[in-house]
């Protein structure tokens, strides 16, 4: 929908609800920060997202032949990059 210069109030009224939603979504995204870098690859985060139930074979690949244990939650993973506080087993 296009508005002329005379209809600036109508344009603002039309766009305002959408702009409020965008600002709200940005605020939510900013508020949900990861506790540390690359946390989205960690088993604790993946578990909270339901990755174990949604992709059991993918999860098994991450934990099979575990070489590291997480000092925070106790989960075991093959690669240190999949744990928050990896400690070699």
N, C-alpha and C. Protein backbone atom coordinates (compact mmCIF):
# COMPACT_ATOMS: atom_id res chain seq x y z
N UNK A 1 0.86 -1.17 0.00
CA UNK A 1 0.00 0.00 0.00
C UNK A 1 0.90 1.23 0.00
N UNK A 2 0.58 2.20 -0.85
CA UNK A 2 1.38 3.42 -0.95
C UNK A 2 0.57 4.61 -0.49
N UNK A 3 1.22 5.49 0.22
CA UNK A 3 0.58 6.68 0.75
C UNK A 3 1.28 7.91 0.18
N UNK A 4 0.53 8.96 -0.11
CA UNK A 4 1.12 10.23 -0.55
C UNK A 4 1.61 11.02 0.65
N UNK A 5 2.29 12.12 0.40
CA UNK A 5 2.81 12.96 1.49
C UNK A 5 1.71 13.46 2.40
N UNK A 6 0.52 13.71 1.87
CA UNK A 6 -0.60 14.22 2.68
C UNK A 6 -1.10 13.17 3.67
N UNK A 7 -0.87 11.93 3.35
CA UNK A 7 -1.41 10.85 4.16
C UNK A 7 -0.38 10.27 5.13
N UNK A 8 0.54 11.09 5.59
CA UNK A 8 1.60 10.61 6.49
C UNK A 8 1.00 10.03 7.78
N UNK A 9 -0.02 10.62 8.30
CA UNK A 9 -0.66 10.10 9.52
C UNK A 9 -1.29 8.73 9.25
N UNK A 10 -1.91 8.57 8.09
CA UNK A 10 -2.51 7.28 7.74
C UNK A 10 -1.42 6.22 7.57
N UNK A 11 -0.31 6.62 6.96
CA UNK A 11 0.79 5.68 6.77
C UNK A 11 1.36 5.25 8.12
N UNK A 12 1.55 6.20 9.01
CA UNK A 12 2.08 5.89 10.34
C UNK A 12 1.13 4.97 11.09
N UNK A 13 -0.16 5.26 11.02
CA UNK A 13 -1.16 4.43 11.70
C UNK A 13 -1.17 3.01 11.12
N UNK A 14 -0.95 2.90 9.82
CA UNK A 14 -0.94 1.61 9.15
C UNK A 14 0.30 0.80 9.54
N UNK A 15 1.47 1.44 9.60
CA UNK A 15 2.73 0.74 9.85
C UNK A 15 3.06 0.54 11.32
N UNK A 16 2.49 1.37 12.18
CA UNK A 16 2.88 1.34 13.60
C UNK A 16 2.76 -0.04 14.25
N UNK A 17 1.65 -0.77 14.09
CA UNK A 17 1.57 -2.10 14.73
C UNK A 17 2.68 -3.05 14.26
N UNK A 18 2.98 -3.04 12.97
CA UNK A 18 4.02 -3.91 12.44
C UNK A 18 5.38 -3.51 13.01
N UNK A 19 5.65 -2.23 13.08
CA UNK A 19 6.92 -1.76 13.62
C UNK A 19 7.06 -2.14 15.09
N UNK A 20 5.97 -2.05 15.84
CA UNK A 20 6.01 -2.46 17.25
C UNK A 20 6.37 -3.93 17.38
N UNK A 21 5.82 -4.77 16.52
CA UNK A 21 6.13 -6.20 16.55
C UNK A 21 7.60 -6.45 16.24
N UNK A 22 8.14 -5.74 15.25
CA UNK A 22 9.55 -5.90 14.90
C UNK A 22 10.43 -5.51 16.07
N UNK A 23 10.14 -4.41 16.71
CA UNK A 23 10.93 -3.96 17.85
C UNK A 23 10.82 -4.98 18.98
N UNK A 24 9.64 -5.55 19.20
CA UNK A 24 9.46 -6.55 20.24
C UNK A 24 10.30 -7.79 19.95
N UNK A 25 10.31 -8.25 18.71
CA UNK A 25 11.09 -9.43 18.35
C UNK A 25 12.57 -9.14 18.53
N UNK A 26 13.03 -7.96 18.11
CA UNK A 26 14.44 -7.61 18.31
C UNK A 26 14.80 -7.61 19.79
N UNK A 27 13.93 -7.09 20.62
CA UNK A 27 14.19 -7.06 22.06
C UNK A 27 14.29 -8.47 22.62
N UNK A 28 13.45 -9.36 22.15
CA UNK A 28 13.49 -10.74 22.62
C UNK A 28 14.79 -11.41 22.17
N UNK A 29 15.16 -11.22 20.91
CA UNK A 29 16.39 -11.83 20.39
C UNK A 29 17.60 -11.29 21.15
N UNK A 30 17.63 -10.01 21.42
CA UNK A 30 18.73 -9.42 22.17
C UNK A 30 18.76 -9.97 23.59
N UNK A 31 17.59 -10.17 24.19
CA UNK A 31 17.52 -10.65 25.57
C UNK A 31 17.97 -12.10 25.70
N UNK A 32 17.80 -12.90 24.64
CA UNK A 32 18.19 -14.30 24.69
C UNK A 32 19.61 -14.42 24.16
N UNK A 33 20.56 -14.21 25.02
CA UNK A 33 21.96 -14.32 24.63
C UNK A 33 22.51 -15.63 25.15
N UNK A 34 23.41 -16.18 24.41
CA UNK A 34 24.06 -17.41 24.82
C UNK A 34 25.01 -17.11 25.98
N UNK A 35 25.18 -18.05 26.88
CA UNK A 35 26.06 -17.81 28.03
C UNK A 35 27.52 -17.69 27.63
N UNK A 36 27.90 -18.26 26.49
CA UNK A 36 29.27 -18.13 25.98
C UNK A 36 29.26 -18.47 24.50
N UNK A 37 30.37 -18.19 23.83
CA UNK A 37 30.43 -18.42 22.39
C UNK A 37 30.29 -19.90 22.06
N UNK A 38 29.70 -20.15 20.93
CA UNK A 38 29.49 -21.50 20.38
C UNK A 38 28.64 -22.40 21.28
N UNK A 39 27.86 -21.81 22.18
CA UNK A 39 27.00 -22.60 23.05
C UNK A 39 25.95 -23.37 22.26
N UNK A 40 25.61 -22.86 21.08
CA UNK A 40 24.60 -23.53 20.26
C UNK A 40 25.07 -24.91 19.78
N UNK A 41 26.36 -25.24 19.94
CA UNK A 41 26.88 -26.55 19.57
C UNK A 41 27.01 -27.49 20.76
N UNK A 42 26.71 -27.02 21.94
CA UNK A 42 26.92 -27.81 23.15
C UNK A 42 25.75 -28.74 23.44
N UNK A 43 26.08 -29.91 24.00
CA UNK A 43 25.06 -30.92 24.26
C UNK A 43 23.95 -30.41 25.18
N UNK A 44 24.30 -29.60 26.17
CA UNK A 44 23.27 -29.11 27.09
C UNK A 44 22.24 -28.25 26.34
N UNK A 45 22.70 -27.41 25.44
CA UNK A 45 21.80 -26.57 24.65
C UNK A 45 20.97 -27.43 23.70
N UNK A 46 21.63 -28.35 23.01
CA UNK A 46 20.92 -29.23 22.08
C UNK A 46 19.87 -30.07 22.81
N UNK A 47 20.20 -30.52 24.01
CA UNK A 47 19.25 -31.30 24.81
C UNK A 47 18.02 -30.45 25.14
N UNK A 48 18.25 -29.20 25.53
CA UNK A 48 17.13 -28.32 25.87
C UNK A 48 16.23 -28.02 24.68
N UNK A 49 16.78 -28.10 23.47
CA UNK A 49 15.99 -27.88 22.26
C UNK A 49 15.23 -29.13 21.83
N UNK A 50 15.49 -30.25 22.50
CA UNK A 50 14.82 -31.50 22.13
C UNK A 50 15.54 -32.26 21.03
N UNK A 51 16.81 -31.95 20.83
CA UNK A 51 17.59 -32.59 19.78
C UNK A 51 17.69 -34.10 19.97
N UNK A 52 17.79 -34.54 21.21
CA UNK A 52 17.89 -35.98 21.49
C UNK A 52 16.66 -36.71 20.95
N UNK A 53 15.49 -36.17 21.21
CA UNK A 53 14.25 -36.81 20.76
C UNK A 53 14.03 -36.60 19.27
N UNK A 54 14.39 -35.43 18.76
CA UNK A 54 14.13 -35.13 17.36
C UNK A 54 15.14 -35.71 16.39
N UNK A 55 16.35 -35.96 16.85
CA UNK A 55 17.39 -36.49 15.98
C UNK A 55 18.30 -37.43 16.78
N UNK A 56 17.78 -38.56 17.21
CA UNK A 56 18.57 -39.46 18.06
C UNK A 56 19.85 -39.94 17.39
N UNK A 57 19.83 -40.18 16.09
CA UNK A 57 21.04 -40.65 15.40
C UNK A 57 22.11 -39.57 15.37
N UNK A 58 21.69 -38.33 15.16
CA UNK A 58 22.64 -37.22 15.18
C UNK A 58 23.25 -37.03 16.56
N UNK A 59 22.43 -37.20 17.59
CA UNK A 59 22.93 -37.07 18.96
C UNK A 59 23.92 -38.20 19.28
N UNK A 60 23.60 -39.40 18.83
CA UNK A 60 24.49 -40.54 19.08
C UNK A 60 25.87 -40.30 18.47
N UNK A 61 25.91 -39.67 17.30
CA UNK A 61 27.19 -39.37 16.66
C UNK A 61 28.02 -38.41 17.52
N UNK A 62 27.36 -37.52 18.23
CA UNK A 62 28.07 -36.56 19.07
C UNK A 62 28.63 -37.19 20.34
N UNK A 63 27.98 -38.25 20.82
CA UNK A 63 28.40 -38.83 22.10
C UNK A 63 29.14 -40.17 21.95
N UNK A 64 29.01 -40.81 20.79
CA UNK A 64 29.66 -42.11 20.57
C UNK A 64 31.18 -41.98 20.75
N UNK A 65 31.77 -42.94 21.43
CA UNK A 65 33.21 -42.94 21.70
C UNK A 65 33.63 -41.65 22.41
N UNK A 66 32.87 -41.31 23.44
CA UNK A 66 33.12 -40.08 24.18
C UNK A 66 34.55 -39.96 24.70
N UNK A 67 35.13 -38.81 24.50
CA UNK A 67 36.50 -38.54 24.94
C UNK A 67 36.57 -37.44 26.00
N UNK A 68 35.46 -36.71 26.16
CA UNK A 68 35.44 -35.57 27.07
C UNK A 68 34.17 -35.61 27.93
N UNK A 69 34.29 -35.14 29.15
CA UNK A 69 33.15 -35.00 30.04
C UNK A 69 33.01 -33.50 30.36
N UNK A 70 31.78 -33.04 30.49
CA UNK A 70 31.55 -31.63 30.82
C UNK A 70 31.66 -31.44 32.33
N UNK A 71 32.50 -30.52 32.75
CA UNK A 71 32.67 -30.23 34.17
C UNK A 71 31.46 -29.54 34.77
N UNK A 72 30.55 -29.05 33.93
CA UNK A 72 29.36 -28.36 34.43
C UNK A 72 28.16 -29.30 34.58
N UNK A 73 27.89 -30.12 33.55
CA UNK A 73 26.67 -30.94 33.58
C UNK A 73 26.93 -32.44 33.61
N UNK A 74 28.17 -32.86 33.33
CA UNK A 74 28.48 -34.28 33.37
C UNK A 74 28.22 -35.03 32.08
N UNK A 75 27.73 -34.36 31.05
CA UNK A 75 27.51 -35.05 29.78
C UNK A 75 28.85 -35.42 29.16
N UNK A 76 28.84 -36.46 28.34
CA UNK A 76 30.06 -36.95 27.69
C UNK A 76 29.89 -36.76 26.18
N UNK A 77 30.96 -36.31 25.52
CA UNK A 77 30.93 -36.09 24.07
C UNK A 77 32.24 -36.56 23.44
N UNK A 78 32.15 -36.86 22.15
CA UNK A 78 33.34 -37.25 21.40
C UNK A 78 34.30 -36.07 21.25
N UNK A 79 33.77 -34.87 20.99
CA UNK A 79 34.60 -33.69 20.76
C UNK A 79 34.39 -32.66 21.86
N UNK A 80 35.47 -32.01 22.26
CA UNK A 80 35.43 -30.99 23.31
C UNK A 80 34.52 -29.82 22.92
N UNK A 81 34.41 -29.55 21.62
CA UNK A 81 33.60 -28.42 21.16
C UNK A 81 32.11 -28.58 21.44
N UNK A 82 31.69 -29.76 21.83
CA UNK A 82 30.27 -29.99 22.13
C UNK A 82 29.95 -29.92 23.61
N UNK A 83 30.87 -29.39 24.41
CA UNK A 83 30.66 -29.25 25.86
C UNK A 83 31.05 -27.86 26.33
N UNK A 84 30.39 -27.40 27.37
CA UNK A 84 30.69 -26.07 27.93
C UNK A 84 32.04 -26.03 28.64
N UNK A 85 32.29 -27.04 29.48
CA UNK A 85 33.52 -27.10 30.28
C UNK A 85 34.15 -28.48 30.06
N UNK A 86 34.76 -28.70 28.87
CA UNK A 86 35.28 -30.03 28.56
C UNK A 86 36.51 -30.39 29.36
N UNK A 87 36.51 -31.64 29.82
CA UNK A 87 37.68 -32.20 30.53
C UNK A 87 37.95 -33.55 29.89
N UNK A 88 39.19 -33.79 29.52
CA UNK A 88 39.58 -35.07 28.90
C UNK A 88 39.31 -36.23 29.85
N UNK A 89 38.74 -37.29 29.32
CA UNK A 89 38.48 -38.50 30.13
C UNK A 89 39.77 -39.29 30.31
